Amino acid sequence: MVPVTTLCLKNAIEAMPHGGNIFIDYELIQENRRIIVTFIDKGIGIDRNVLRYLVTPFYTSKDKEIGLGLTVKATKSFKNITE
């Protein structure tokens, strides 16, 4: 979960080039042993057309990235949780 959290924080920081606040909230769901983590920033936001591709491998809206970050981090984190 740490790599996904780190990547979400990095993205939030990059979305606020003039600074700002990032709020992190979590909810622990006892019944199915899950955690919902919410990141809130005042950044530029994600275009609706881009949002649906957020975890699609090799998709990126950044110039110098290959587009595997969130996909790989989320997959590895999920694997670690289930093992």
PDB file of N, CA and C in Angstrom:
ATOM      1  N   MET A   1       0.810  -1.191   0.000  1.00  0.00           N
ATOM      2  CA  MET A   1       0.000   0.000   0.000  1.00  0.00           C
ATOM      3  C   MET A   1       0.860   1.264   0.000  1.00  0.00           C
ATOM      4  N   VAL A   2       2.051   1.172   0.533  1.00  0.00           N
ATOM      5  CA  VAL A   2       2.942   2.339   0.578  1.00  0.00           C
ATOM      6  C   VAL A   2       3.279   2.853  -0.821  1.00  0.00           C
ATOM      7  N   PRO A   3       3.614   1.987  -1.796  1.00  0.00           N
ATOM      8  CA  PRO A   3       3.918   2.523  -3.138  1.00  0.00           C
ATOM      9  C   PRO A   3       2.739   3.253  -3.777  1.00  0.00           C
ATOM     10  N   VAL A   4       1.527   2.747  -3.592  1.00  0.00           N
ATOM     11  CA  VAL A   4       0.352   3.416  -4.160  1.00  0.00           C
ATOM     12  C   VAL A   4       0.144   4.768  -3.487  1.00  0.00           C
ATOM     13  N   THR A   5       0.295   4.796  -2.162  1.00  0.00           N
ATOM     14  CA  THR A   5       0.147   6.046  -1.414  1.00  0.00           C
ATOM     15  C   THR A   5       1.173   7.074  -1.867  1.00  0.00           C
ATOM     16  N   THR A   6       2.415   6.635  -2.019  1.00  0.00           N
ATOM     17  CA  THR A   6       3.486   7.528  -2.459  1.00  0.00           C
ATOM     18  C   THR A   6       3.186   8.097  -3.843  1.00  0.00           C
ATOM     19  N   LEU A   7       2.737   7.250  -4.751  1.00  0.00           N
ATOM     20  CA  LEU A   7       2.436   7.702  -6.111  1.00  0.00           C
ATOM     21  C   LEU A   7       1.252   8.673  -6.123  1.00  0.00           C
ATOM     22  N   CYS A   8       0.227   8.401  -5.326  1.00  0.00           N
ATOM     23  CA  CYS A   8      -0.916   9.320  -5.250  1.00  0.00           C
ATOM     24  C   CYS A   8      -0.493  10.674  -4.690  1.00  0.00           C
ATOM     25  N   LEU A   9       0.372  10.660  -3.684  1.00  0.00           N
ATOM     26  CA  LEU A   9       0.880  11.923  -3.132  1.00  0.00           C
ATOM     27  C   LEU A   9       1.701  12.678  -4.171  1.00  0.00           C
ATOM     28  N   LYS A  10       2.549  11.965  -4.895  1.00  0.00           N
ATOM     29  CA  LYS A  10       3.369  12.586  -5.946  1.00  0.00           C
ATOM     30  C   LYS A  10       2.468  13.241  -6.993  1.00  0.00           C
ATOM     31  N   ASN A  11       1.438  12.529  -7.420  1.00  0.00           N
ATOM     32  CA  ASN A  11       0.513  13.077  -8.415  1.00  0.00           C
ATOM     33  C   ASN A  11      -0.223  14.300  -7.878  1.00  0.00           C
ATOM     34  N   ALA A  12      -0.628  14.257  -6.609  1.00  0.00           N
ATOM     35  CA  ALA A  12      -1.324  15.400  -6.006  1.00  0.00           C
ATOM     36  C   ALA A  12      -0.414  16.620  -5.949  1.00  0.00           C
ATOM     37  N   ILE A  13       0.841  16.405  -5.582  1.00  0.00           N
ATOM     38  CA  ILE A  13       1.810  17.510  -5.525  1.00  0.00           C
ATOM     39  C   ILE A  13       2.025  18.106  -6.912  1.00  0.00           C
ATOM     40  N   GLU A  14       2.174  17.240  -7.920  1.00  0.00           N
ATOM     41  CA  GLU A  14       2.388  17.716  -9.290  1.00  0.00           C
ATOM     42  C   GLU A  14       1.166  18.468  -9.825  1.00  0.00           C
ATOM     43  N   ALA A  15      -0.015  18.150  -9.320  1.00  0.00           N
ATOM     44  CA  ALA A  15      -1.241  18.812  -9.781  1.00  0.00           C
ATOM     45  C   ALA A  15      -1.411  20.198  -9.171  1.00  0.00           C
ATOM     46  N   MET A  16      -0.541  20.539  -8.201  1.00  0.00           N
ATOM     47  CA  MET A  16      -0.618  21.849  -7.548  1.00  0.00           C
ATOM     48  C   MET A  16       0.723  22.561  -7.677  1.00  0.00           C
ATOM     49  N   PRO A  17       1.075  23.013  -8.881  1.00  0.00           N
ATOM     50  CA  PRO A  17       2.392  23.615  -9.084  1.00  0.00           C
ATOM     51  C   PRO A  17       2.636  24.882  -8.263  1.00  0.00           C
ATOM     52  N   HIS A  18       1.583  25.510  -7.787  1.00  0.00           N
ATOM     53  CA  HIS A  18       1.740  26.733  -6.987  1.00  0.00           C
ATOM     54  C   HIS A  18       1.550  26.463  -5.500  1.00  0.00           C
ATOM     55  N   GLY A  19       1.579  25.195  -5.127  1.00  0.00           N
ATOM     56  CA  GLY A  19       1.423  24.821  -3.720  1.00  0.00           C
ATOM     57  C   GLY A  19      -0.029  24.595  -3.350  1.00  0.00           C
ATOM     58  N   GLY A  20      -0.234  24.175  -2.126  1.00  0.00           N
ATOM     59  CA  GLY A  20      -1.587  23.910  -1.650  1.00  0.00           C
ATOM     60  C   GLY A  20      -1.567  22.865  -0.557  1.00  0.00           C
ATOM     61  N   ASN A  21      -2.727  22.396  -0.198  1.00  0.00           N
ATOM     62  CA  ASN A  21      -2.860  21.395   0.854  1.00  0.00           C
ATOM     63  C   ASN A  21      -3.330  20.074   0.275  1.00  0.00           C
ATOM     64  N   ILE A  22      -2.865  18.994   0.862  1.00  0.00           N
ATOM     65  CA  ILE A  22      -3.319  17.657   0.511  1.00  0.00           C
ATOM     66  C   ILE A  22      -3.894  17.043   1.783  1.00  0.00           C
ATOM     67  N   PHE A  23      -5.101  16.557   1.686  1.00  0.00           N
ATOM     68  CA  PHE A  23      -5.743  15.901   2.818  1.00  0.00           C
ATOM     69  C   PHE A  23      -5.857  14.413   2.522  1.00  0.00           C
ATOM     70  N   ILE A  24      -5.518  13.598   3.497  1.00  0.00           N
ATOM     71  CA  ILE A  24      -5.614  12.152   3.356  1.00  0.00           C
ATOM     72  C   ILE A  24      -6.571  11.654   4.432  1.00  0.00           C
ATOM     73  N   ASP A  25      -7.559  10.897   4.012  1.00  0.00           N
ATOM     74  CA  ASP A  25      -8.533  10.337   4.938  1.00  0.00           C
ATOM     75  C   ASP A  25      -8.590   8.834   4.694  1.00  0.00           C
ATOM     76  N   TYR A  26      -8.942   8.096   5.712  1.00  0.00           N
ATOM     77  CA  TYR A  26      -9.090   6.660   5.521  1.00  0.00           C
ATOM     78  C   TYR A  26     -10.283   6.148   6.303  1.00  0.00           C
ATOM     79  N   GLU A  27     -10.818   5.047   5.806  1.00  0.00           N
ATOM     80  CA  GLU A  27     -11.927   4.381   6.470  1.00  0.00           C
ATOM     81  C   GLU A  27     -11.600   2.902   6.523  1.00  0.00           C
ATOM     82  N   LEU A  28     -11.636   2.332   7.690  1.00  0.00           N
ATOM     83  CA  LEU A  28     -11.376   0.908   7.888  1.00  0.00           C
ATOM     84  C   LEU A  28     -12.709   0.179   7.902  1.00  0.00           C
ATOM     85  N   ILE A  29     -12.857  -0.788   7.011  1.00  0.00           N
ATOM     86  CA  ILE A  29     -14.081  -1.571   6.938  1.00  0.00           C
ATOM     87  C   ILE A  29     -13.785  -2.947   7.526  1.00  0.00           C
ATOM     88  N   GLN A  30     -14.238  -3.163   8.729  1.00  0.00           N
ATOM     89  CA  GLN A  30     -13.917  -4.380   9.482  1.00  0.00           C
ATOM     90  C   GLN A  30     -14.474  -5.641   8.822  1.00  0.00           C
ATOM     91  N   GLU A  31     -15.700  -5.567   8.296  1.00  0.00           N
ATOM     92  CA  GLU A  31     -16.374  -6.765   7.780  1.00  0.00           C
ATOM     93  C   GLU A  31     -15.557  -7.507   6.728  1.00  0.00           C
ATOM     94  N   ASN A  32     -14.978  -6.785   5.801  1.00  0.00           N
ATOM     95  CA  ASN A  32     -14.214  -7.443   4.736  1.00  0.00           C
ATOM     96  C   ASN A  32     -12.735  -7.060   4.755  1.00  0.00           C
ATOM     97  N   ARG A  33     -12.274  -6.525   5.895  1.00  0.00           N
ATOM     98  CA  ARG A  33     -10.860  -6.215   6.111  1.00  0.00           C
ATOM     99  C   ARG A  33     -10.284  -5.351   4.984  1.00  0.00           C
ATOM    100  N   ARG A  34     -10.943  -4.266   4.676  1.00  0.00           N
ATOM    101  CA  ARG A  34     -10.486  -3.343   3.632  1.00  0.00           C
ATOM    102  C   ARG A  34     -10.304  -1.953   4.211  1.00  0.00           C
ATOM    103  N   ILE A  35      -9.498  -1.190   3.501  1.00  0.00           N
ATOM    104  CA  ILE A  35      -9.284   0.207   3.854  1.00  0.00           C
ATOM    105  C   ILE A  35      -9.592   1.051   2.626  1.00  0.00           C
ATOM    106  N   ILE A  36     -10.361   2.094   2.809  1.00  0.00           N
ATOM    107  CA  ILE A  36     -10.603   3.064   1.742  1.00  0.00           C
ATOM    108  C   ILE A  36      -9.773   4.296   2.080  1.00  0.00           C
ATOM    109  N   VAL A  37      -8.864   4.642   1.183  1.00  0.00           N
ATOM    110  CA  VAL A  37      -8.014   5.812   1.386  1.00  0.00           C
ATOM    111  C   VAL A  37      -8.430   6.865   0.361  1.00  0.00           C
ATOM    112  N   THR A  38      -8.653   8.079   0.837  1.00  0.00           N
ATOM    113  CA  THR A  38      -9.077   9.179  -0.020  1.00  0.00           C
ATOM    114  C   THR A  38      -8.037  10.290   0.027  1.00  0.00           C
ATOM    115  N   PHE A  39      -7.617  10.754  -1.152  1.00  0.00           N
ATOM    116  CA  PHE A  39      -6.685  11.873  -1.272  1.00  0.00           C
ATOM    117  C   PHE A  39      -7.465  13.055  -1.831  1.00  0.00           C
ATOM    118  N   ILE A  40      -7.385  14.184  -1.165  1.00  0.00           N
ATOM    119  CA  ILE A  40      -8.082  15.387  -1.621  1.00  0.00           C
ATOM    120  C   ILE A  40      -7.057  16.504  -1.764  1.00  0.00           C
ATOM    121  N   ASP A  41      -7.019  17.106  -2.952  1.00  0.00           N
ATOM    122  CA  ASP A  41      -6.132  18.245  -3.171  1.00  0.00           C
ATOM    123  C   ASP A  41      -6.899  19.316  -3.927  1.00  0.00           C
ATOM    124  N   LYS A  42      -6.300  20.452  -4.068  1.00  0.00           N
ATOM    125  CA  LYS A  42      -6.909  21.559  -4.808  1.00  0.00           C
ATOM    126  C   LYS A  42      -6.197  21.750  -6.139  1.00  0.00           C
ATOM    127  N   GLY A  43      -5.772  20.634  -6.722  1.00  0.00           N
ATOM    128  CA  GLY A  43      -5.041  20.679  -7.980  1.00  0.00           C
ATOM    129  C   GLY A  43      -5.944  20.928  -9.176  1.00  0.00           C
ATOM    130  N   ILE A  44      -5.363  20.771 -10.344  1.00  0.00           N
ATOM    131  CA  ILE A  44      -6.068  21.072 -11.586  1.00  0.00           C
ATOM    132  C   ILE A  44      -7.128  20.031 -11.934  1.00  0.00           C
ATOM    133  N   GLY A  45      -7.107  18.895 -11.274  1.00  0.00           N
ATOM    134  CA  GLY A  45      -8.104  17.860 -11.513  1.00  0.00           C
ATOM    135  C   GLY A  45      -7.738  16.967 -12.682  1.00  0.00           C
ATOM    136  N   ILE A  46      -8.526  15.939 -12.853  1.00  0.00           N
ATOM    137  CA  ILE A  46      -8.316  14.980 -13.937  1.00  0.00           C
ATOM    138  C   ILE A  46      -9.474  15.134 -14.912  1.00  0.00           C
ATOM    139  N   ASP A  47      -9.150  15.371 -16.159  1.00  0.00           N
ATOM    140  CA  ASP A  47     -10.153  15.497 -17.201  1.00  0.00           C
ATOM    141  C   ASP A  47     -11.011  14.224 -17.245  1.00  0.00           C
ATOM    142  N   ARG A  48     -12.312  14.377 -17.431  1.00  0.00           N
ATOM    143  CA  ARG A  48     -13.217  13.218 -17.473  1.00  0.00           C
ATOM    144  C   ARG A  48     -12.813  12.205 -18.542  1.00  0.00           C
ATOM    145  N   ASN A  49     -12.300  12.675 -19.668  1.00  0.00           N
ATOM    146  CA  ASN A  49     -11.881  11.769 -20.734  1.00  0.00           C
ATOM    147  C   ASN A  49     -10.649  10.965 -20.349  1.00  0.00           C
ATOM    148  N   VAL A  50      -9.843  11.498 -19.448  1.00  0.00           N
ATOM    149  CA  VAL A  50      -8.626  10.828 -18.986  1.00  0.00           C
ATOM    150  C   VAL A  50      -8.942   9.887 -17.826  1.00  0.00           C
ATOM    151  N   LEU A  51      -9.911  10.237 -17.023  1.00  0.00           N
ATOM    152  CA  LEU A  51     -10.235   9.503 -15.803  1.00  0.00           C
ATOM    153  C   LEU A  51     -10.483   8.018 -16.055  1.00  0.00           C
ATOM    154  N   ARG A  52     -11.163   7.689 -17.136  1.00  0.00           N
ATOM    155  CA  ARG A  52     -11.476   6.277 -17.395  1.00  0.00           C
ATOM    156  C   ARG A  52     -10.248   5.454 -17.769  1.00  0.00           C
ATOM    157  N   TYR A  53      -9.153   6.119 -18.125  1.00  0.00           N
ATOM    158  CA  TYR A  53      -7.918   5.418 -18.475  1.00  0.00           C
ATOM    159  C   TYR A  53      -6.904   5.401 -17.329  1.00  0.00           C
ATOM    160  N   LEU A  54      -7.306   5.833 -16.152  1.00  0.00           N
ATOM    161  CA  LEU A  54      -6.392   6.060 -15.040  1.00  0.00           C
ATOM    162  C   LEU A  54      -5.490   4.868 -14.730  1.00  0.00           C
ATOM    163  N   VAL A  55      -6.002   3.662 -14.792  1.00  0.00           N
ATOM    164  CA  VAL A  55      -5.169   2.491 -14.491  1.00  0.00           C
ATOM    165  C   VAL A  55      -4.939   1.616 -15.723  1.00  0.00           C
ATOM    166  N   THR A  56      -5.078   2.190 -16.904  1.00  0.00           N
ATOM    167  CA  THR A  56      -4.799   1.464 -18.139  1.00  0.00           C
ATOM    168  C   THR A  56      -3.293   1.439 -18.376  1.00  0.00           C
ATOM    169  N   PRO A  57      -2.711   0.225 -18.541  1.00  0.00           N
ATOM    170  CA  PRO A  57      -1.257   0.149 -18.766  1.00  0.00           C
ATOM    171  C   PRO A  57      -0.823   0.969 -19.982  1.00  0.00           C
ATOM    172  N   PHE A  58       0.284   1.669 -19.834  1.00  0.00           N
ATOM    173  CA  PHE A  58       0.943   2.472 -20.867  1.00  0.00           C
ATOM    174  C   PHE A  58       0.201   3.757 -21.225  1.00  0.00           C
ATOM    175  N   TYR A  59      -0.884   4.068 -20.537  1.00  0.00           N
ATOM    176  CA  TYR A  59      -1.543   5.351 -20.768  1.00  0.00           C
ATOM    177  C   TYR A  59      -0.981   6.372 -19.786  1.00  0.00           C
ATOM    178  N   THR A  60      -0.639   7.547 -20.287  1.00  0.00           N
ATOM    179  CA  THR A  60      -0.192   8.632 -19.417  1.00  0.00           C
ATOM    180  C   THR A  60      -0.531   9.971 -20.052  1.00  0.00           C
ATOM    181  N   SER A  61      -0.715  10.956 -19.215  1.00  0.00           N
ATOM    182  CA  SER A  61      -0.916  12.317 -19.709  1.00  0.00           C
ATOM    183  C   SER A  61       0.336  13.154 -19.467  1.00  0.00           C
ATOM    184  N   LYS A  62       1.394  12.489 -18.995  1.00  0.00           N
ATOM    185  CA  LYS A  62       2.647  13.189 -18.681  1.00  0.00           C
ATOM    186  C   LYS A  62       3.656  12.989 -19.808  1.00  0.00           C
ATOM    187  N   ASP A  63       4.513  13.987 -19.992  1.00  0.00           N
ATOM    188  CA  ASP A  63       5.464  13.962 -21.100  1.00  0.00           C
ATOM    189  C   ASP A  63       6.553  12.902 -20.969  1.00  0.00           C
ATOM    190  N   LYS A  64       7.125  12.757 -19.781  1.00  0.00           N
ATOM    191  CA  LYS A  64       8.298  11.897 -19.630  1.00  0.00           C
ATOM    192  C   LYS A  64       8.007  10.658 -18.790  1.00  0.00           C
ATOM    193  N   GLU A  65       6.849  10.099 -18.948  1.00  0.00           N
ATOM    194  CA  GLU A  65       6.452   8.901 -18.211  1.00  0.00           C
ATOM    195  C   GLU A  65       6.034   7.834 -19.214  1.00  0.00           C
ATOM    196  N   ILE A  66       6.067   6.561 -18.780  1.00  0.00           N
ATOM    197  CA  ILE A  66       5.641   5.488 -19.678  1.00  0.00           C
ATOM    198  C   ILE A  66       4.237   4.993 -19.366  1.00  0.00           C
ATOM    199  N   GLY A  67       3.662   5.447 -18.259  1.00  0.00           N
ATOM    200  CA  GLY A  67       2.271   5.134 -17.982  1.00  0.00           C
ATOM    201  C   GLY A  67       2.019   3.826 -17.268  1.00  0.00           C
ATOM    202  N   LEU A  68       2.972   3.351 -16.491  1.00  0.00           N
ATOM    203  CA  LEU A  68       2.757   2.118 -15.734  1.00  0.00           C
ATOM    204  C   LEU A  68       2.636   2.351 -14.240  1.00  0.00           C
ATOM    205  N   GLY A  69       2.896   3.544 -13.787  1.00  0.00           N
ATOM    206  CA  GLY A  69       2.957   3.844 -12.360  1.00  0.00           C
ATOM    207  C   GLY A  69       1.814   3.316 -11.532  1.00  0.00           C
ATOM    208  N   LEU A  70       0.644   3.881 -11.680  1.00  0.00           N
ATOM    209  CA  LEU A  70      -0.480   3.511 -10.833  1.00  0.00           C
ATOM    210  C   LEU A  70      -0.935   2.082 -11.100  1.00  0.00           C
ATOM    211  N   THR A  71      -0.882   1.638 -12.345  1.00  0.00           N
ATOM    212  CA  THR A  71      -1.275   0.270 -12.670  1.00  0.00           C
ATOM    213  C   THR A  71      -0.394  -0.737 -11.955  1.00  0.00           C
ATOM    214  N   VAL A  72       0.910  -0.584 -12.061  1.00  0.00           N
ATOM    215  CA  VAL A  72       1.852  -1.523 -11.444  1.00  0.00           C
ATOM    216  C   VAL A  72       1.792  -1.430  -9.931  1.00  0.00           C
ATOM    217  N   LYS A  73       1.783  -0.237  -9.381  1.00  0.00           N
ATOM    218  CA  LYS A  73       1.753  -0.064  -7.928  1.00  0.00           C
ATOM    219  C   LYS A  73       0.487  -0.665  -7.341  1.00  0.00           C
ATOM    220  N   ALA A  74      -0.655  -0.430  -7.967  1.00  0.00           N
ATOM    221  CA  ALA A  74      -1.912  -0.962  -7.448  1.00  0.00           C
ATOM    222  C   ALA A  74      -1.924  -2.481  -7.522  1.00  0.00           C
ATOM    223  N   THR A  75      -1.430  -3.048  -8.608  1.00  0.00           N
ATOM    224  CA  THR A  75      -1.390  -4.499  -8.760  1.00  0.00           C
ATOM    225  C   THR A  75      -0.478  -5.130  -7.729  1.00  0.00           C
ATOM    226  N   LYS A  76       0.711  -4.575  -7.537  1.00  0.00           N
ATOM    227  CA  LYS A  76       1.639  -5.115  -6.547  1.00  0.00           C
ATOM    228  C   LYS A  76       1.072  -4.993  -5.141  1.00  0.00           C
ATOM    229  N   SER A  77       0.444  -3.885  -4.833  1.00  0.00           N
ATOM    230  CA  SER A  77      -0.131  -3.699  -3.504  1.00  0.00           C
ATOM    231  C   SER A  77      -1.254  -4.692  -3.263  1.00  0.00           C
ATOM    232  N   PHE A  78      -2.095  -4.903  -4.260  1.00  0.00           N
ATOM    233  CA  PHE A  78      -3.184  -5.857  -4.117  1.00  0.00           C
ATOM    234  C   PHE A  78      -2.626  -7.253  -3.911  1.00  0.00           C
ATOM    235  N   LYS A  79      -1.578  -7.591  -4.645  1.00  0.00           N
ATOM    236  CA  LYS A  79      -0.956  -8.908  -4.510  1.00  0.00           C
ATOM    237  C   LYS A  79      -0.414  -9.085  -3.095  1.00  0.00           C
ATOM    238  N   ASN A  80       0.245  -8.076  -2.558  1.00  0.00           N
ATOM    239  CA  ASN A  80       0.795  -8.168  -1.207  1.00  0.00           C
ATOM    240  C   ASN A  80      -0.301  -8.325  -0.161  1.00  0.00           C
ATOM    241  N   ILE A  81      -1.428  -7.706  -0.379  1.00  0.00           N
ATOM    242  CA  ILE A  81      -2.532  -7.809   0.576  1.00  0.00           C
ATOM    243  C   ILE A  81      -3.113  -9.211   0.575  1.00  0.00           C
ATOM    244  N   THR A  82      -3.215  -9.822  -0.593  1.00  0.00           N
ATOM    245  CA  THR A  82      -3.856 -11.130  -0.686  1.00  0.00           C
ATOM    246  C   THR A  82      -2.939 -12.278  -0.314  1.00  0.00           C
ATOM    247  N   GLU A  83      -1.650 -12.041  -0.284  1.00  0.00           N
ATOM    248  CA  GLU A  83      -0.713 -13.123   0.045  1.00  0.00           C
ATOM    249  C   GLU A  83      -0.603 -13.335   1.536  1.00  0.00           C
TER     250      GLU A  83
END
